[in-house]
Amino acid sequence: MGNLMVSRISAQFSNVLNTLHYNHSVGKLIDAVFGALLEVVMMASDVSAVACEKIEEIFEGVGRAGVECLKCCCSQIDKLEQMQIEIARENSSLFEKFDAVGKFFSMNLNMIGRKMVEGGGDFWRSLTKEEMRGLVEATFGQSEKRDNVLKALV
């Protein structure tokens, strides 16, 4: 629903605004949709495995649709997606957080713990320790692995 709204509204402005103003405006629309979804997910207290898969799917689809609405002047098809992501980072204040939360729901505790130990979890830099703790507690049941990840967050 959100990605359809952004697509329709952005199409109306596509021929009216120059690329800079267009991307800035669409970035604000994307933030509204990202913000609404993040608010719901970040407040969750118990997320099932099935819900994790659905959240991952929704975040991936909405994120992709938002990025695709942005104008990019890249003529090389193989670099188009990366350029659109860079434009999204520049114009959407919630893009990185939205992307990080979506990636979180595709991971298990071993992957999360390993990324934290190896320092490869830099895509979580947009999440506070409290937000990350809340996601871990809501998503994973009480276990020694979960406790170790939570200790690493301190």
C-alpha atoms as a PDB file:
ATOM      1  CA  MET A   1       0.000   0.000   0.000  1.00  0.00           C
ATOM      2  CA  GLY A   2       2.720   2.471   1.011  1.00  0.00           C
ATOM      3  CA  ASN A   3       4.884   1.751  -2.013  1.00  0.00           C
ATOM      4  CA  LEU A   4       1.877   2.172  -4.327  1.00  0.00           C
ATOM      5  CA  MET A   5       1.127   5.540  -2.729  1.00  0.00           C
ATOM      6  CA  VAL A   6       4.737   6.715  -3.133  1.00  0.00           C
ATOM      7  CA  SER A   7       4.807   5.503  -6.749  1.00  0.00           C
ATOM      8  CA  ARG A   8       1.606   7.330  -7.669  1.00  0.00           C
ATOM      9  CA  ILE A   9       2.511  10.581  -5.945  1.00  0.00           C
ATOM     10  CA  SER A  10       6.073  10.553  -7.270  1.00  0.00           C
ATOM     11  CA  ALA A  11       4.780   9.975 -10.814  1.00  0.00           C
ATOM     12  CA  GLN A  12       2.722  13.177 -10.514  1.00  0.00           C
ATOM     13  CA  PHE A  13       5.813  15.213  -9.611  1.00  0.00           C
ATOM     14  CA  SER A  14       8.187  13.530 -12.037  1.00  0.00           C
ATOM     15  CA  ASN A  15       7.685  16.035 -14.847  1.00  0.00           C
ATOM     16  CA  VAL A  16       7.127  19.073 -12.626  1.00  0.00           C
ATOM     17  CA  LEU A  17      10.238  19.190 -10.442  1.00  0.00           C
ATOM     18  CA  ASN A  18      13.893  19.113 -11.393  1.00  0.00           C
ATOM     19  CA  THR A  19      15.782  15.952 -10.360  1.00  0.00           C
ATOM     20  CA  LEU A  20      17.234  17.443  -7.160  1.00  0.00           C
ATOM     21  CA  HIS A  21      13.881  18.712  -5.860  1.00  0.00           C
ATOM     22  CA  TYR A  22      12.080  15.607  -7.067  1.00  0.00           C
ATOM     23  CA  ASN A  23      14.423  13.238  -5.196  1.00  0.00           C
ATOM     24  CA  HIS A  24      14.252  15.400  -2.076  1.00  0.00           C
ATOM     25  CA  SER A  25      10.435  15.363  -2.171  1.00  0.00           C
ATOM     26  CA  VAL A  26      10.221  11.637  -2.855  1.00  0.00           C
ATOM     27  CA  GLY A  27      12.727  11.069  -0.036  1.00  0.00           C
ATOM     28  CA  LYS A  28      10.262  12.754   2.342  1.00  0.00           C
ATOM     29  CA  LEU A  29       7.431  10.521   1.076  1.00  0.00           C
ATOM     30  CA  ILE A  30       9.616   7.447   1.520  1.00  0.00           C
ATOM     31  CA  ASP A  31      10.424   8.555   5.072  1.00  0.00           C
ATOM     32  CA  ALA A  32       6.712   8.781   5.894  1.00  0.00           C
ATOM     33  CA  VAL A  33       6.140   5.194   4.762  1.00  0.00           C
ATOM     34  CA  PHE A  34       9.361   3.894   6.358  1.00  0.00           C
ATOM     35  CA  GLY A  35       8.533   5.709   9.600  1.00  0.00           C
ATOM     36  CA  ALA A  36       5.063   4.202   9.848  1.00  0.00           C
ATOM     37  CA  LEU A  37       6.385   0.663   9.318  1.00  0.00           C
ATOM     38  CA  LEU A  38       9.339   1.147  11.673  1.00  0.00           C
ATOM     39  CA  GLU A  39       7.062   2.473  14.405  1.00  0.00           C
ATOM     40  CA  VAL A  40       4.938  -0.672  14.354  1.00  0.00           C
ATOM     41  CA  VAL A  41       7.852  -3.110  14.190  1.00  0.00           C
ATOM     42  CA  MET A  42      10.005  -1.379  16.798  1.00  0.00           C
ATOM     43  CA  MET A  43       7.132  -1.452  19.313  1.00  0.00           C
ATOM     44  CA  ALA A  44       6.575  -5.208  18.924  1.00  0.00           C
ATOM     45  CA  SER A  45       7.203  -7.256  22.040  1.00  0.00           C
ATOM     46  CA  ASP A  46       6.870 -10.780  20.630  1.00  0.00           C
ATOM     47  CA  VAL A  47       7.695 -11.578  17.000  1.00  0.00           C
ATOM     48  CA  SER A  48       7.172 -15.132  15.718  1.00  0.00           C
ATOM     49  CA  ALA A  49       9.326 -16.836  13.079  1.00  0.00           C
ATOM     50  CA  VAL A  50       6.476 -16.498  10.567  1.00  0.00           C
ATOM     51  CA  ALA A  51       6.159 -12.798  11.382  1.00  0.00           C
ATOM     52  CA  CYS A  52       9.931 -12.366  10.902  1.00  0.00           C
ATOM     53  CA  GLU A  53       9.670 -13.766   7.381  1.00  0.00           C
ATOM     54  CA  LYS A  54       6.724 -11.494   6.584  1.00  0.00           C
ATOM     55  CA  ILE A  55       8.443  -8.407   8.030  1.00  0.00           C
ATOM     56  CA  GLU A  56      11.579  -9.174   6.013  1.00  0.00           C
ATOM     57  CA  GLU A  57       9.476  -9.565   2.857  1.00  0.00           C
ATOM     58  CA  ILE A  58       7.549  -6.333   3.451  1.00  0.00           C
ATOM     59  CA  PHE A  59      10.647  -4.304   4.270  1.00  0.00           C
ATOM     60  CA  GLU A  60      12.491  -5.638   1.230  1.00  0.00           C
ATOM     61  CA  GLY A  61       9.588  -4.886  -1.128  1.00  0.00           C
ATOM     62  CA  VAL A  62       8.802  -1.441   0.241  1.00  0.00           C
ATOM     63  CA  GLY A  63      12.495  -0.514   0.392  1.00  0.00           C
ATOM     64  CA  ARG A  64      13.060  -1.598  -3.214  1.00  0.00           C
ATOM     65  CA  ALA A  65       9.946   0.258  -4.412  1.00  0.00           C
ATOM     66  CA  GLY A  66      11.035   3.424  -2.619  1.00  0.00           C
ATOM     67  CA  VAL A  67      14.507   3.303  -4.142  1.00  0.00           C
ATOM     68  CA  GLU A  68      13.084   2.672  -7.611  1.00  0.00           C
ATOM     69  CA  CYS A  69      10.951   5.839  -7.394  1.00  0.00           C
ATOM     70  CA  LEU A  70      14.069   8.004  -7.213  1.00  0.00           C
ATOM     71  CA  LYS A  71      15.522   9.550 -10.354  1.00  0.00           C
ATOM     72  CA  CYS A  72      19.021   8.508 -11.274  1.00  0.00           C
ATOM     73  CA  CYS A  73      21.118   9.797 -14.139  1.00  0.00           C
ATOM     74  CA  CYS A  74      23.208   6.651 -14.410  1.00  0.00           C
ATOM     75  CA  SER A  75      23.531   5.249 -17.914  1.00  0.00           C
ATOM     76  CA  GLN A  76      25.248   2.026 -16.825  1.00  0.00           C
ATOM     77  CA  ILE A  77      22.614  -0.573 -15.959  1.00  0.00           C
ATOM     78  CA  ASP A  78      25.007  -2.565 -13.756  1.00  0.00           C
ATOM     79  CA  LYS A  79      25.578   0.511 -11.552  1.00  0.00           C
ATOM     80  CA  LEU A  80      21.987   1.786 -11.534  1.00  0.00           C
ATOM     81  CA  GLU A  81      20.837   0.014  -8.359  1.00  0.00           C
ATOM     82  CA  GLN A  82      23.894   1.120  -6.367  1.00  0.00           C
ATOM     83  CA  MET A  83      23.433   4.709  -7.545  1.00  0.00           C
ATOM     84  CA  GLN A  84      19.742   4.612  -6.565  1.00  0.00           C
ATOM     85  CA  ILE A  85      20.701   3.353  -3.099  1.00  0.00           C
ATOM     86  CA  GLU A  86      23.175   6.219  -2.709  1.00  0.00           C
ATOM     87  CA  ILE A  87      20.465   8.686  -3.771  1.00  0.00           C
ATOM     88  CA  ALA A  88      18.101   7.086  -1.228  1.00  0.00           C
ATOM     89  CA  ARG A  89      20.694   7.512   1.536  1.00  0.00           C
ATOM     90  CA  GLU A  90      21.072  11.184   0.600  1.00  0.00           C
ATOM     91  CA  ASN A  91      17.337  11.935   0.452  1.00  0.00           C
ATOM     92  CA  SER A  92      15.759   9.648   3.058  1.00  0.00           C
ATOM     93  CA  SER A  93      16.727  10.112   6.684  1.00  0.00           C
ATOM     94  CA  LEU A  94      15.265   6.682   7.565  1.00  0.00           C
ATOM     95  CA  PHE A  95      16.673   4.622   4.681  1.00  0.00           C
ATOM     96  CA  GLU A  96      19.603   3.089   6.584  1.00  0.00           C
ATOM     97  CA  LYS A  97      17.533   2.320   9.682  1.00  0.00           C
ATOM     98  CA  PHE A  98      14.783   0.766   7.571  1.00  0.00           C
ATOM     99  CA  ASP A  99      17.372  -1.316   5.693  1.00  0.00           C
ATOM    100  CA  ALA A 100      19.052  -2.433   8.943  1.00  0.00           C
ATOM    101  CA  VAL A 101      15.762  -3.554  10.519  1.00  0.00           C
ATOM    102  CA  GLY A 102      14.831  -5.462   7.363  1.00  0.00           C
ATOM    103  CA  LYS A 103      18.217  -7.226   7.378  1.00  0.00           C
ATOM    104  CA  PHE A 104      17.848  -8.011  11.084  1.00  0.00           C
ATOM    105  CA  PHE A 105      14.740 -10.077  10.412  1.00  0.00           C
ATOM    106  CA  SER A 106      16.632 -12.216   7.892  1.00  0.00           C
ATOM    107  CA  MET A 107      19.241 -13.252  10.469  1.00  0.00           C
ATOM    108  CA  ASN A 108      19.475 -15.782  13.267  1.00  0.00           C
ATOM    109  CA  LEU A 109      21.262 -15.272  16.601  1.00  0.00           C
ATOM    110  CA  ASN A 110      24.451 -16.961  15.371  1.00  0.00           C
ATOM    111  CA  MET A 111      24.668 -14.577  12.422  1.00  0.00           C
ATOM    112  CA  ILE A 112      23.946 -11.543  14.586  1.00  0.00           C
ATOM    113  CA  GLY A 113      26.507 -12.574  17.215  1.00  0.00           C
ATOM    114  CA  ARG A 114      29.146 -13.319  14.585  1.00  0.00           C
ATOM    115  CA  LYS A 115      28.622  -9.958  12.864  1.00  0.00           C
ATOM    116  CA  MET A 116      28.942  -8.172  16.200  1.00  0.00           C
ATOM    117  CA  VAL A 117      32.162 -10.020  17.109  1.00  0.00           C
ATOM    118  CA  GLU A 118      33.690  -9.561  13.650  1.00  0.00           C
ATOM    119  CA  GLY A 119      32.617  -5.937  13.443  1.00  0.00           C
ATOM    120  CA  GLY A 120      30.593  -6.690  10.320  1.00  0.00           C
ATOM    121  CA  GLY A 121      27.399  -5.338  11.798  1.00  0.00           C
ATOM    122  CA  ASP A 122      28.157  -1.803  10.678  1.00  0.00           C
ATOM    123  CA  PHE A 123      24.805  -1.674   8.907  1.00  0.00           C
ATOM    124  CA  TRP A 124      23.303  -1.508  12.431  1.00  0.00           C
ATOM    125  CA  ARG A 125      24.975   1.823  13.126  1.00  0.00           C
ATOM    126  CA  SER A 126      21.626   3.490  12.476  1.00  0.00           C
ATOM    127  CA  LEU A 127      20.058   1.578  15.390  1.00  0.00           C
ATOM    128  CA  THR A 128      20.629   2.487  19.024  1.00  0.00           C
ATOM    129  CA  LYS A 129      21.692  -0.218  21.466  1.00  0.00           C
ATOM    130  CA  GLU A 130      18.251   0.021  23.065  1.00  0.00           C
ATOM    131  CA  GLU A 131      16.514  -0.500  19.711  1.00  0.00           C
ATOM    132  CA  MET A 132      18.753  -3.451  18.893  1.00  0.00           C
ATOM    133  CA  ARG A 133      18.139  -4.925  22.356  1.00  0.00           C
ATOM    134  CA  GLY A 134      14.380  -4.556  21.863  1.00  0.00           C
ATOM    135  CA  LEU A 135      14.503  -6.328  18.495  1.00  0.00           C
ATOM    136  CA  VAL A 136      16.584  -9.204  19.900  1.00  0.00           C
ATOM    137  CA  GLU A 137      14.316  -9.608  22.943  1.00  0.00           C
ATOM    138  CA  ALA A 138      11.115  -9.481  20.856  1.00  0.00           C
ATOM    139  CA  THR A 139      12.354 -11.864  18.185  1.00  0.00           C
ATOM    140  CA  PHE A 140      14.330 -14.541  19.995  1.00  0.00           C
ATOM    141  CA  GLY A 141      13.211 -16.642  22.962  1.00  0.00           C
ATOM    142  CA  GLN A 142      15.159 -16.770  26.206  1.00  0.00           C
ATOM    143  CA  SER A 143      18.386 -18.708  25.640  1.00  0.00           C
ATOM    144  CA  GLU A 144      22.098 -18.604  26.358  1.00  0.00           C
ATOM    145  CA  LYS A 145      22.767 -17.437  22.769  1.00  0.00           C
ATOM    146  CA  ARG A 146      20.306 -14.578  23.169  1.00  0.00           C
ATOM    147  CA  ASP A 147      21.861 -13.606  26.499  1.00  0.00           C
ATOM    148  CA  ASN A 148      25.320 -13.549  24.899  1.00  0.00           C
ATOM    149  CA  VAL A 149      24.119 -11.261  22.112  1.00  0.00           C
ATOM    150  CA  LEU A 150      22.449  -8.978  24.654  1.00  0.00           C
ATOM    151  CA  LYS A 151      25.655  -8.857  26.729  1.00  0.00           C
ATOM    152  CA  ALA A 152      27.624  -7.913  23.626  1.00  0.00           C
ATOM    153  CA  LEU A 153      25.295  -4.938  23.139  1.00  0.00           C
ATOM    154  CA  VAL A 154      26.307  -3.385  26.472  1.00  0.00           C
END
